[in-house]
C-alpha atoms as a PDB file:
ATOM      1  CA  UNK A   1      26.336 -35.376 -41.299  1.00  0.00           C
ATOM      2  CA  UNK A   2      27.839 -35.119 -44.913  1.00  0.00           C
ATOM      3  CA  UNK A   3      31.252 -34.889 -44.980  1.00  0.00           C
ATOM      4  CA  UNK A   4      32.193 -34.912 -49.247  1.00  0.00           C
ATOM      5  CA  UNK A   5      32.602 -31.385 -50.962  1.00  0.00           C
ATOM      6  CA  UNK A   6      30.340 -28.819 -51.184  1.00  0.00           C
ATOM      7  CA  UNK A   7      29.307 -27.151 -54.029  1.00  0.00           C
ATOM      8  CA  UNK A   8      30.825 -23.931 -54.876  1.00  0.00           C
ATOM      9  CA  UNK A   9      28.584 -20.753 -54.975  1.00  0.00           C
ATOM     10  CA  UNK A  10      26.670 -19.372 -57.332  1.00  0.00           C
ATOM     11  CA  UNK A  11      22.950 -17.640 -58.588  1.00  0.00           C
ATOM     12  CA  UNK A  12      21.578 -18.607 -61.346  1.00  0.00           C
ATOM     13  CA  UNK A  13      18.459 -17.300 -62.768  1.00  0.00           C
ATOM     14  CA  UNK A  14      16.335 -18.151 -66.211  1.00  0.00           C
ATOM     15  CA  UNK A  15      12.955 -16.825 -68.132  1.00  0.00           C
ATOM     16  CA  UNK A  16      11.638 -19.797 -69.416  1.00  0.00           C
ATOM     17  CA  UNK A  17       8.901 -20.617 -71.205  1.00  0.00           C
ATOM     18  CA  UNK A  18       5.851 -18.518 -72.943  1.00  0.00           C
ATOM     19  CA  UNK A  19       5.018 -16.627 -69.654  1.00  0.00           C
ATOM     20  CA  UNK A  20       8.689 -16.000 -69.027  1.00  0.00           C
ATOM     21  CA  UNK A  21       8.728 -17.743 -65.620  1.00  0.00           C
ATOM     22  CA  UNK A  22      11.779 -17.141 -63.630  1.00  0.00           C
ATOM     23  CA  UNK A  23      13.444 -20.317 -62.168  1.00  0.00           C
ATOM     24  CA  UNK A  24      16.451 -19.501 -60.240  1.00  0.00           C
ATOM     25  CA  UNK A  25      19.175 -22.003 -58.663  1.00  0.00           C
ATOM     26  CA  UNK A  26      22.322 -21.598 -56.592  1.00  0.00           C
ATOM     27  CA  UNK A  27      24.600 -21.986 -53.758  1.00  0.00           C
ATOM     28  CA  UNK A  28      24.907 -19.314 -51.535  1.00  0.00           C
ATOM     29  CA  UNK A  29      27.679 -18.810 -48.281  1.00  0.00           C
ATOM     30  CA  UNK A  30      25.954 -16.591 -45.739  1.00  0.00           C
ATOM     31  CA  UNK A  31      28.447 -17.332 -43.290  1.00  0.00           C
ATOM     32  CA  UNK A  32      28.980 -14.329 -41.028  1.00  0.00           C
ATOM     33  CA  UNK A  33      25.139 -12.875 -41.392  1.00  0.00           C
ATOM     34  CA  UNK A  34      22.845 -12.823 -39.047  1.00  0.00           C
ATOM     35  CA  UNK A  35      19.618 -11.172 -40.207  1.00  0.00           C
ATOM     36  CA  UNK A  36      18.358 -13.110 -43.433  1.00  0.00           C
ATOM     37  CA  UNK A  37      15.056 -12.211 -43.765  1.00  0.00           C
ATOM     38  CA  UNK A  38      13.030 -10.000 -41.420  1.00  0.00           C
ATOM     39  CA  UNK A  39       9.143 -10.781 -41.060  1.00  0.00           C
ATOM     40  CA  UNK A  40      10.025 -10.404 -45.349  1.00  0.00           C
ATOM     41  CA  UNK A  41       7.426 -11.802 -47.976  1.00  0.00           C
ATOM     42  CA  UNK A  42       9.407 -13.475 -51.196  1.00  0.00           C
ATOM     43  CA  UNK A  43       7.499 -12.625 -54.921  1.00  0.00           C
ATOM     44  CA  UNK A  44       8.290 -16.206 -55.883  1.00  0.00           C
ATOM     45  CA  UNK A  45       8.100 -20.016 -54.272  1.00  0.00           C
ATOM     46  CA  UNK A  46      11.544 -20.532 -53.057  1.00  0.00           C
ATOM     47  CA  UNK A  47      12.968 -24.205 -51.772  1.00  0.00           C
ATOM     48  CA  UNK A  48      16.176 -23.753 -49.462  1.00  0.00           C
ATOM     49  CA  UNK A  49      18.505 -27.024 -48.675  1.00  0.00           C
ATOM     50  CA  UNK A  50      20.687 -26.348 -45.394  1.00  0.00           C
ATOM     51  CA  UNK A  51      23.940 -27.826 -46.363  1.00  0.00           C
ATOM     52  CA  UNK A  52      26.022 -27.086 -43.598  1.00  0.00           C
ATOM     53  CA  UNK A  53      24.871 -24.330 -40.118  1.00  0.00           C
ATOM     54  CA  UNK A  54      22.689 -23.766 -37.899  1.00  0.00           C
ATOM     55  CA  UNK A  55      19.502 -20.979 -37.569  1.00  0.00           C
ATOM     56  CA  UNK A  56      15.991 -20.365 -37.199  1.00  0.00           C
ATOM     57  CA  UNK A  57      12.850 -20.530 -39.527  1.00  0.00           C
ATOM     58  CA  UNK A  58       9.691 -18.020 -38.124  1.00  0.00           C
ATOM     59  CA  UNK A  59       6.357 -18.111 -39.705  1.00  0.00           C
ATOM     60  CA  UNK A  60       4.195 -14.858 -39.269  1.00  0.00           C
ATOM     61  CA  UNK A  61       1.811 -16.674 -36.806  1.00  0.00           C
ATOM     62  CA  UNK A  62       5.125 -17.288 -34.338  1.00  0.00           C
ATOM     63  CA  UNK A  63       6.089 -20.423 -35.041  1.00  0.00           C
ATOM     64  CA  UNK A  64       9.464 -21.381 -34.530  1.00  0.00           C
ATOM     65  CA  UNK A  65      11.441 -24.197 -36.388  1.00  0.00           C
ATOM     66  CA  UNK A  66      15.629 -24.540 -35.747  1.00  0.00           C
ATOM     67  CA  UNK A  67      17.194 -25.246 -38.351  1.00  0.00           C
ATOM     68  CA  UNK A  68      20.216 -27.491 -39.394  1.00  0.00           C
ATOM     69  CA  UNK A  69      22.210 -29.379 -41.985  1.00  0.00           C
ATOM     70  CA  UNK A  70      19.371 -31.310 -43.542  1.00  0.00           C
ATOM     71  CA  UNK A  71      16.811 -28.940 -42.780  1.00  0.00           C
ATOM     72  CA  UNK A  72      14.472 -27.717 -46.288  1.00  0.00           C
ATOM     73  CA  UNK A  73      12.494 -24.812 -45.545  1.00  0.00           C
ATOM     74  CA  UNK A  74       9.789 -22.988 -48.053  1.00  0.00           C
ATOM     75  CA  UNK A  75       9.376 -19.007 -48.990  1.00  0.00           C
ATOM     76  CA  UNK A  76       5.917 -19.346 -49.982  1.00  0.00           C
ATOM     77  CA  UNK A  77       4.877 -16.398 -52.473  1.00  0.00           C
ATOM     78  CA  UNK A  78       3.626 -13.149 -50.596  1.00  0.00           C
ATOM     79  CA  UNK A  79       3.904 -15.049 -47.418  1.00  0.00           C
ATOM     80  CA  UNK A  80       5.535 -13.292 -44.517  1.00  0.00           C
ATOM     81  CA  UNK A  81       8.555 -15.060 -42.770  1.00  0.00           C
ATOM     82  CA  UNK A  82      11.880 -14.684 -41.102  1.00  0.00           C
ATOM     83  CA  UNK A  83      14.825 -16.561 -41.106  1.00  0.00           C
ATOM     84  CA  UNK A  84      17.602 -16.172 -38.699  1.00  0.00           C
ATOM     85  CA  UNK A  85      21.296 -17.097 -38.932  1.00  0.00           C
ATOM     86  CA  UNK A  86      23.837 -18.353 -36.367  1.00  0.00           C
ATOM     87  CA  UNK A  87      27.213 -15.871 -37.790  1.00  0.00           C
ATOM     88  CA  UNK A  88      29.590 -18.821 -36.395  1.00  0.00           C
ATOM     89  CA  UNK A  89      28.359 -21.951 -37.944  1.00  0.00           C
ATOM     90  CA  UNK A  90      29.895 -21.289 -41.163  1.00  0.00           C
ATOM     91  CA  UNK A  91      25.966 -21.423 -43.167  1.00  0.00           C
ATOM     92  CA  UNK A  92      25.654 -22.609 -46.542  1.00  0.00           C
ATOM     93  CA  UNK A  93      22.422 -23.170 -48.752  1.00  0.00           C
ATOM     94  CA  UNK A  94      21.217 -24.076 -51.810  1.00  0.00           C
ATOM     95  CA  UNK A  95      17.786 -22.661 -53.309  1.00  0.00           C
ATOM     96  CA  UNK A  96      15.537 -23.803 -56.095  1.00  0.00           C
ATOM     97  CA  UNK A  97      13.085 -20.620 -57.124  1.00  0.00           C
ATOM     98  CA  UNK A  98      10.359 -21.685 -59.396  1.00  0.00           C
ATOM     99  CA  UNK A  99       7.703 -20.386 -61.506  1.00  0.00           C
ATOM    100  CA  UNK A 100       3.877 -20.076 -60.818  1.00  0.00           C
ATOM    101  CA  UNK A 101       3.313 -23.425 -62.739  1.00  0.00           C
ATOM    102  CA  UNK A 102       5.955 -25.808 -60.942  1.00  0.00           C
ATOM    103  CA  UNK A 103       4.819 -24.533 -57.689  1.00  0.00           C
ATOM    104  CA  UNK A 104       1.194 -24.716 -58.310  1.00  0.00           C
ATOM    105  CA  UNK A 105       2.402 -28.228 -59.357  1.00  0.00           C
ATOM    106  CA  UNK A 106       4.163 -29.301 -56.423  1.00  0.00           C
ATOM    107  CA  UNK A 107       1.312 -28.099 -54.247  1.00  0.00           C
ATOM    108  CA  UNK A 108      -1.676 -29.569 -56.119  1.00  0.00           C
ATOM    109  CA  UNK A 109       0.164 -32.871 -55.097  1.00  0.00           C
ATOM    110  CA  UNK A 110       0.040 -31.532 -52.033  1.00  0.00           C
ATOM    111  CA  UNK A 111       4.202 -31.894 -51.638  1.00  0.00           C
ATOM    112  CA  UNK A 112       4.884 -28.034 -51.035  1.00  0.00           C
ATOM    113  CA  UNK A 113       2.401 -27.649 -48.136  1.00  0.00           C
ATOM    114  CA  UNK A 114       2.353 -23.908 -46.572  1.00  0.00           C
ATOM    115  CA  UNK A 115       1.518 -25.787 -43.126  1.00  0.00           C
ATOM    116  CA  UNK A 116       4.799 -28.050 -43.211  1.00  0.00           C
ATOM    117  CA  UNK A 117       6.821 -24.679 -44.259  1.00  0.00           C
ATOM    118  CA  UNK A 118      10.261 -26.524 -42.232  1.00  0.00           C
ATOM    119  CA  UNK A 119      10.820 -30.430 -43.456  1.00  0.00           C
ATOM    120  CA  UNK A 120      14.532 -32.572 -42.911  1.00  0.00           C
ATOM    121  CA  UNK A 121      16.370 -34.704 -45.716  1.00  0.00           C
ATOM    122  CA  UNK A 122      19.898 -35.822 -45.939  1.00  0.00           C
ATOM    123  CA  UNK A 123      22.284 -34.048 -47.320  1.00  0.00           C
ATOM    124  CA  UNK A 124      24.045 -36.768 -49.572  1.00  0.00           C
ATOM    125  CA  UNK A 125      26.464 -36.250 -52.573  1.00  0.00           C
ATOM    126  CA  UNK A 126      24.246 -37.263 -54.874  1.00  0.00           C
ATOM    127  CA  UNK A 127      21.865 -34.362 -53.715  1.00  0.00           C
ATOM    128  CA  UNK A 128      24.061 -31.552 -53.252  1.00  0.00           C
ATOM    129  CA  UNK A 129      26.182 -32.541 -56.706  1.00  0.00           C
ATOM    130  CA  UNK A 130      22.511 -32.214 -58.668  1.00  0.00           C
ATOM    131  CA  UNK A 131      22.771 -28.456 -57.650  1.00  0.00           C
ATOM    132  CA  UNK A 132      25.906 -28.491 -59.666  1.00  0.00           C
ATOM    133  CA  UNK A 133      24.852 -30.394 -62.663  1.00  0.00           C
ATOM    134  CA  UNK A 134      21.658 -28.547 -62.833  1.00  0.00           C
ATOM    135  CA  UNK A 135      23.374 -25.244 -62.655  1.00  0.00           C
ATOM    136  CA  UNK A 136      25.126 -26.098 -66.156  1.00  0.00           C
ATOM    137  CA  UNK A 137      22.240 -25.856 -68.026  1.00  0.00           C
ATOM    138  CA  UNK A 138      21.042 -22.505 -66.923  1.00  0.00           C
ATOM    139  CA  UNK A 139      24.418 -20.932 -67.709  1.00  0.00           C
ATOM    140  CA  UNK A 140      24.777 -22.895 -71.601  1.00  0.00           C
ATOM    141  CA  UNK A 141      21.469 -23.738 -72.610  1.00  0.00           C
ATOM    142  CA  UNK A 142      19.160 -22.593 -75.043  1.00  0.00           C
ATOM    143  CA  UNK A 143      15.825 -21.758 -74.511  1.00  0.00           C
ATOM    144  CA  UNK A 144      14.572 -24.650 -75.793  1.00  0.00           C
ATOM    145  CA  UNK A 145      17.374 -26.766 -74.374  1.00  0.00           C
ATOM    146  CA  UNK A 146      16.533 -25.630 -70.966  1.00  0.00           C
ATOM    147  CA  UNK A 147      12.824 -26.268 -71.496  1.00  0.00           C
ATOM    148  CA  UNK A 148      13.597 -29.698 -71.826  1.00  0.00           C
ATOM    149  CA  UNK A 149      15.650 -29.667 -68.091  1.00  0.00           C
ATOM    150  CA  UNK A 150      12.143 -28.635 -66.334  1.00  0.00           C
ATOM    151  CA  UNK A 151      11.271 -32.053 -65.628  1.00  0.00           C
ATOM    152  CA  UNK A 152      14.806 -32.329 -63.930  1.00  0.00           C
ATOM    153  CA  UNK A 153      13.898 -28.837 -61.923  1.00  0.00           C
ATOM    154  CA  UNK A 154      10.851 -30.665 -60.556  1.00  0.00           C
ATOM    155  CA  UNK A 155      12.705 -33.960 -59.679  1.00  0.00           C
ATOM    156  CA  UNK A 156      15.294 -32.479 -57.892  1.00  0.00           C
ATOM    157  CA  UNK A 157      12.733 -29.792 -55.748  1.00  0.00           C
ATOM    158  CA  UNK A 158      11.011 -33.332 -55.445  1.00  0.00           C
ATOM    159  CA  UNK A 159      13.665 -34.750 -54.094  1.00  0.00           C
ATOM    160  CA  UNK A 160      14.188 -31.962 -51.386  1.00  0.00           C
ATOM    161  CA  UNK A 161      10.954 -32.090 -50.120  1.00  0.00           C
ATOM    162  CA  UNK A 162      10.152 -35.642 -50.083  1.00  0.00           C
ATOM    163  CA  UNK A 163      13.412 -36.975 -48.286  1.00  0.00           C
ATOM    164  CA  UNK A 164      15.637 -37.178 -51.176  1.00  0.00           C
ATOM    165  CA  UNK A 165      13.108 -39.778 -52.898  1.00  0.00           C
ATOM    166  CA  UNK A 166      11.951 -39.286 -56.515  1.00  0.00           C
ATOM    167  CA  UNK A 167       8.697 -39.180 -57.325  1.00  0.00           C
ATOM    168  CA  UNK A 168       7.997 -42.728 -58.182  1.00  0.00           C
ATOM    169  CA  UNK A 169       9.782 -43.496 -55.158  1.00  0.00           C
ATOM    170  CA  UNK A 170       7.097 -41.332 -53.463  1.00  0.00           C
ATOM    171  CA  UNK A 171       4.484 -42.971 -54.981  1.00  0.00           C
ATOM    172  CA  UNK A 172       5.860 -46.270 -54.164  1.00  0.00           C
ATOM    173  CA  UNK A 173       6.133 -45.406 -50.484  1.00  0.00           C
ATOM    174  CA  UNK A 174       2.498 -44.605 -50.624  1.00  0.00           C
ATOM    175  CA  UNK A 175       1.449 -47.711 -51.727  1.00  0.00           C
ATOM    176  CA  UNK A 176       3.246 -49.214 -48.780  1.00  0.00           C
ATOM    177  CA  UNK A 177       1.910 -46.941 -46.666  1.00  0.00           C
ATOM    178  CA  UNK A 178      -1.704 -47.420 -47.707  1.00  0.00           C
ATOM    179  CA  UNK A 179      -1.037 -51.305 -48.027  1.00  0.00           C
ATOM    180  CA  UNK A 180       0.203 -51.087 -44.201  1.00  0.00           C
ATOM    181  CA  UNK A 181      -2.437 -49.669 -43.230  1.00  0.00           C
ATOM    182  CA  UNK A 182      -5.282 -51.478 -44.783  1.00  0.00           C
ATOM    183  CA  UNK A 183      -3.488 -54.600 -43.178  1.00  0.00           C
ATOM    184  CA  UNK A 184      -3.848 -53.403 -39.764  1.00  0.00           C
ATOM    185  CA  UNK A 185      -7.244 -52.283 -40.335  1.00  0.00           C
ATOM    186  CA  UNK A 186      -8.292 -55.519 -41.694  1.00  0.00           C
ATOM    187  CA  UNK A 187      -6.752 -57.415 -38.784  1.00  0.00           C
ATOM    188  CA  UNK A 188      -8.476 -55.926 -36.040  1.00  0.00           C
ATOM    189  CA  UNK A 189     -11.829 -55.475 -34.826  1.00  0.00           C
ATOM    190  CA  UNK A 190     -13.210 -58.577 -36.021  1.00  0.00           C
ATOM    191  CA  UNK A 191     -16.599 -58.057 -34.177  1.00  0.00           C
ATOM    192  CA  UNK A 192     -17.428 -55.139 -36.398  1.00  0.00           C
ATOM    193  CA  UNK A 193     -17.987 -55.136 -40.406  1.00  0.00           C
ATOM    194  CA  UNK A 194     -14.370 -53.901 -41.764  1.00  0.00           C
ATOM    195  CA  UNK A 195     -16.376 -51.167 -43.583  1.00  0.00           C
ATOM    196  CA  UNK A 196     -13.557 -50.978 -46.761  1.00  0.00           C
ATOM    197  CA  UNK A 197     -15.357 -48.201 -48.780  1.00  0.00           C
ATOM    198  CA  UNK A 198     -14.960 -45.669 -45.489  1.00  0.00           C
ATOM    199  CA  UNK A 199     -11.469 -46.856 -45.076  1.00  0.00           C
ATOM    200  CA  UNK A 200     -10.705 -45.938 -48.770  1.00  0.00           C
ATOM    201  CA  UNK A 201     -12.771 -42.381 -48.669  1.00  0.00           C
ATOM    202  CA  UNK A 202     -11.086 -41.288 -45.812  1.00  0.00           C
ATOM    203  CA  UNK A 203      -7.746 -41.928 -47.896  1.00  0.00           C
ATOM    204  CA  UNK A 204      -8.460 -40.472 -50.751  1.00  0.00           C
ATOM    205  CA  UNK A 205      -8.680 -43.758 -52.780  1.00  0.00           C
ATOM    206  CA  UNK A 206     -11.204 -45.616 -55.075  1.00  0.00           C
ATOM    207  CA  UNK A 207     -12.751 -48.943 -53.602  1.00  0.00           C
ATOM    208  CA  UNK A 208     -11.775 -50.535 -56.827  1.00  0.00           C
ATOM    209  CA  UNK A 209      -8.453 -49.329 -57.793  1.00  0.00           C
ATOM    210  CA  UNK A 210      -7.908 -50.442 -53.814  1.00  0.00           C
ATOM    211  CA  UNK A 211      -8.984 -53.925 -54.378  1.00  0.00           C
ATOM    212  CA  UNK A 212      -6.747 -54.559 -57.504  1.00  0.00           C
ATOM    213  CA  UNK A 213      -3.562 -52.804 -55.681  1.00  0.00           C
ATOM    214  CA  UNK A 214      -4.193 -54.609 -52.471  1.00  0.00           C
ATOM    215  CA  UNK A 215      -4.660 -58.281 -54.898  1.00  0.00           C
ATOM    216  CA  UNK A 216      -1.505 -57.086 -56.630  1.00  0.00           C
ATOM    217  CA  UNK A 217       0.506 -56.797 -53.670  1.00  0.00           C
ATOM    218  CA  UNK A 218      -0.407 -59.829 -51.405  1.00  0.00           C
ATOM    219  CA  UNK A 219      -1.514 -62.040 -53.898  1.00  0.00           C
ATOM    220  CA  UNK A 220      -5.187 -62.256 -52.119  1.00  0.00           C
ATOM    221  CA  UNK A 221      -8.004 -59.893 -51.958  1.00  0.00           C
ATOM    222  CA  UNK A 222      -8.876 -57.732 -48.841  1.00  0.00           C
ATOM    223  CA  UNK A 223     -12.399 -60.063 -47.905  1.00  0.00           C
ATOM    224  CA  UNK A 224      -9.762 -63.153 -48.242  1.00  0.00           C
ATOM    225  CA  UNK A 225      -6.763 -61.520 -46.047  1.00  0.00           C
ATOM    226  CA  UNK A 226      -9.431 -61.009 -43.317  1.00  0.00           C
ATOM    227  CA  UNK A 227     -11.027 -64.058 -43.067  1.00  0.00           C
ATOM    228  CA  UNK A 228      -7.471 -65.620 -42.621  1.00  0.00           C
ATOM    229  CA  UNK A 229      -6.599 -63.081 -40.227  1.00  0.00           C
ATOM    230  CA  UNK A 230      -9.609 -63.534 -38.264  1.00  0.00           C
ATOM    231  CA  UNK A 231      -8.445 -67.331 -38.209  1.00  0.00           C
ATOM    232  CA  UNK A 232      -5.145 -66.894 -37.035  1.00  0.00           C
ATOM    233  CA  UNK A 233      -6.457 -64.797 -34.153  1.00  0.00           C
ATOM    234  CA  UNK A 234      -8.619 -67.963 -33.645  1.00  0.00           C
ATOM    235  CA  UNK A 235      -5.937 -70.645 -33.720  1.00  0.00           C
ATOM    236  CA  UNK A 236      -4.313 -68.158 -31.007  1.00  0.00           C
ATOM    237  CA  UNK A 237      -7.041 -68.172 -28.813  1.00  0.00           C
ATOM    238  CA  UNK A 238      -8.364 -72.280 -29.286  1.00  0.00           C
ATOM    239  CA  UNK A 239      -4.583 -72.269 -27.655  1.00  0.00           C
ATOM    240  CA  UNK A 240      -6.392 -71.074 -24.566  1.00  0.00           C
ATOM    241  CA  UNK A 241      -8.114 -74.354 -22.905  1.00  0.00           C
ATOM    242  CA  UNK A 242     -10.126 -72.026 -20.664  1.00  0.00           C
ATOM    243  CA  UNK A 243     -11.675 -70.699 -23.421  1.00  0.00           C
ATOM    244  CA  UNK A 244     -15.168 -72.496 -24.606  1.00  0.00           C
ATOM    245  CA  UNK A 245     -15.460 -72.849 -28.382  1.00  0.00           C
ATOM    246  CA  UNK A 246     -19.060 -70.677 -27.682  1.00  0.00           C
ATOM    247  CA  UNK A 247     -16.308 -68.157 -26.223  1.00  0.00           C
ATOM    248  CA  UNK A 248     -14.223 -68.078 -29.005  1.00  0.00           C
ATOM    249  CA  UNK A 249     -16.764 -67.914 -31.623  1.00  0.00           C
ATOM    250  CA  UNK A 250     -18.444 -64.450 -29.740  1.00  0.00           C
ATOM    251  CA  UNK A 251     -15.236 -62.659 -29.279  1.00  0.00           C
ATOM    252  CA  UNK A 252     -14.083 -63.249 -32.845  1.00  0.00           C
ATOM    253  CA  UNK A 253     -17.912 -61.908 -34.105  1.00  0.00           C
ATOM    254  CA  UNK A 254     -18.870 -64.488 -35.611  1.00  0.00           C
ATOM    255  CA  UNK A 255     -23.135 -65.454 -35.384  1.00  0.00           C
ATOM    256  CA  UNK A 256     -23.353 -68.486 -33.693  1.00  0.00           C
ATOM    257  CA  UNK A 257     -20.740 -71.800 -32.867  1.00  0.00           C
ATOM    258  CA  UNK A 258     -21.996 -73.103 -35.968  1.00  0.00           C
ATOM    259  CA  UNK A 259     -20.946 -71.032 -38.576  1.00  0.00           C
ATOM    260  CA  UNK A 260     -17.419 -70.473 -36.608  1.00  0.00           C
ATOM    261  CA  UNK A 261     -16.701 -74.148 -37.143  1.00  0.00           C
ATOM    262  CA  UNK A 262     -18.014 -74.289 -40.786  1.00  0.00           C
ATOM    263  CA  UNK A 263     -15.900 -71.625 -41.823  1.00  0.00           C
ATOM    264  CA  UNK A 264     -12.716 -72.806 -39.594  1.00  0.00           C
ATOM    265  CA  UNK A 265     -13.265 -76.173 -41.005  1.00  0.00           C
ATOM    266  CA  UNK A 266     -13.604 -75.480 -44.579  1.00  0.00           C
ATOM    267  CA  UNK A 267     -10.445 -73.000 -44.627  1.00  0.00           C
ATOM    268  CA  UNK A 268      -8.221 -75.443 -41.796  1.00  0.00           C
ATOM    269  CA  UNK A 269      -9.732 -78.912 -42.757  1.00  0.00           C
ATOM    270  CA  UNK A 270     -10.587 -79.366 -39.230  1.00  0.00           C
ATOM    271  CA  UNK A 271     -12.929 -78.359 -36.889  1.00  0.00           C
ATOM    272  CA  UNK A 272     -11.915 -76.192 -34.080  1.00  0.00           C
ATOM    273  CA  UNK A 273     -12.212 -78.896 -31.630  1.00  0.00           C
ATOM    274  CA  UNK A 274      -9.925 -81.439 -33.745  1.00  0.00           C
ATOM    275  CA  UNK A 275      -7.325 -78.313 -33.992  1.00  0.00           C
ATOM    276  CA  UNK A 276      -7.573 -77.835 -29.796  1.00  0.00           C
ATOM    277  CA  UNK A 277      -6.843 -81.413 -29.630  1.00  0.00           C
END
């Protein structure tokens, strides 16, 4: 649990851009309060980070989420919900109220998802200080200067919703998750054809971009990686004397023992029988 200094309470709103969208930032001490929102729909999109305390978030559909330090909950524009507070828990929250442009950006990238109104992150000194630091701009910056801080507002919102990661960190994590899923996919079911095009479609990525990313991360093509995993499995099976070369060939999906032997010798430098000896 974070044991550093929390920001002092404050609330600031500013209108930015030609559309005059209102953006707010603040830290609110709600100690002693019980009913915060009761089946209420906020007029704008709001991200709330709970620094300290306990409570409950209830959707209009009846789902309940326990709130504690590190909980991040969202008030979606026009969506009724209820938040209850344990009055004895010294409840302290940070909030960001965002205009439609920023809210739509976060929703468009799947970061702000109404199906996941409550998330979890780590309350750190850096994250808490970013609220205080950004508040200075809202207090003193001119309209043009404030516009230049909008990327910082988006980055702070992203950090709250994505476990403290910056957008570039999130992208890197997504790439690692994709490669890990691909490695698992390519390393199993050797009797079946590995349909990488279908794999990419299911994950919303282009096949050619995936191939380039895979090669950049691992240094070999997906096709070569699957051959290597298949031969790794062959080496393990060849250590089992009760299995014949023909049985191993069939288990690994080769058309014939001859095809198996030819590929094994080409990559391993000796035939399966020689490896076994």
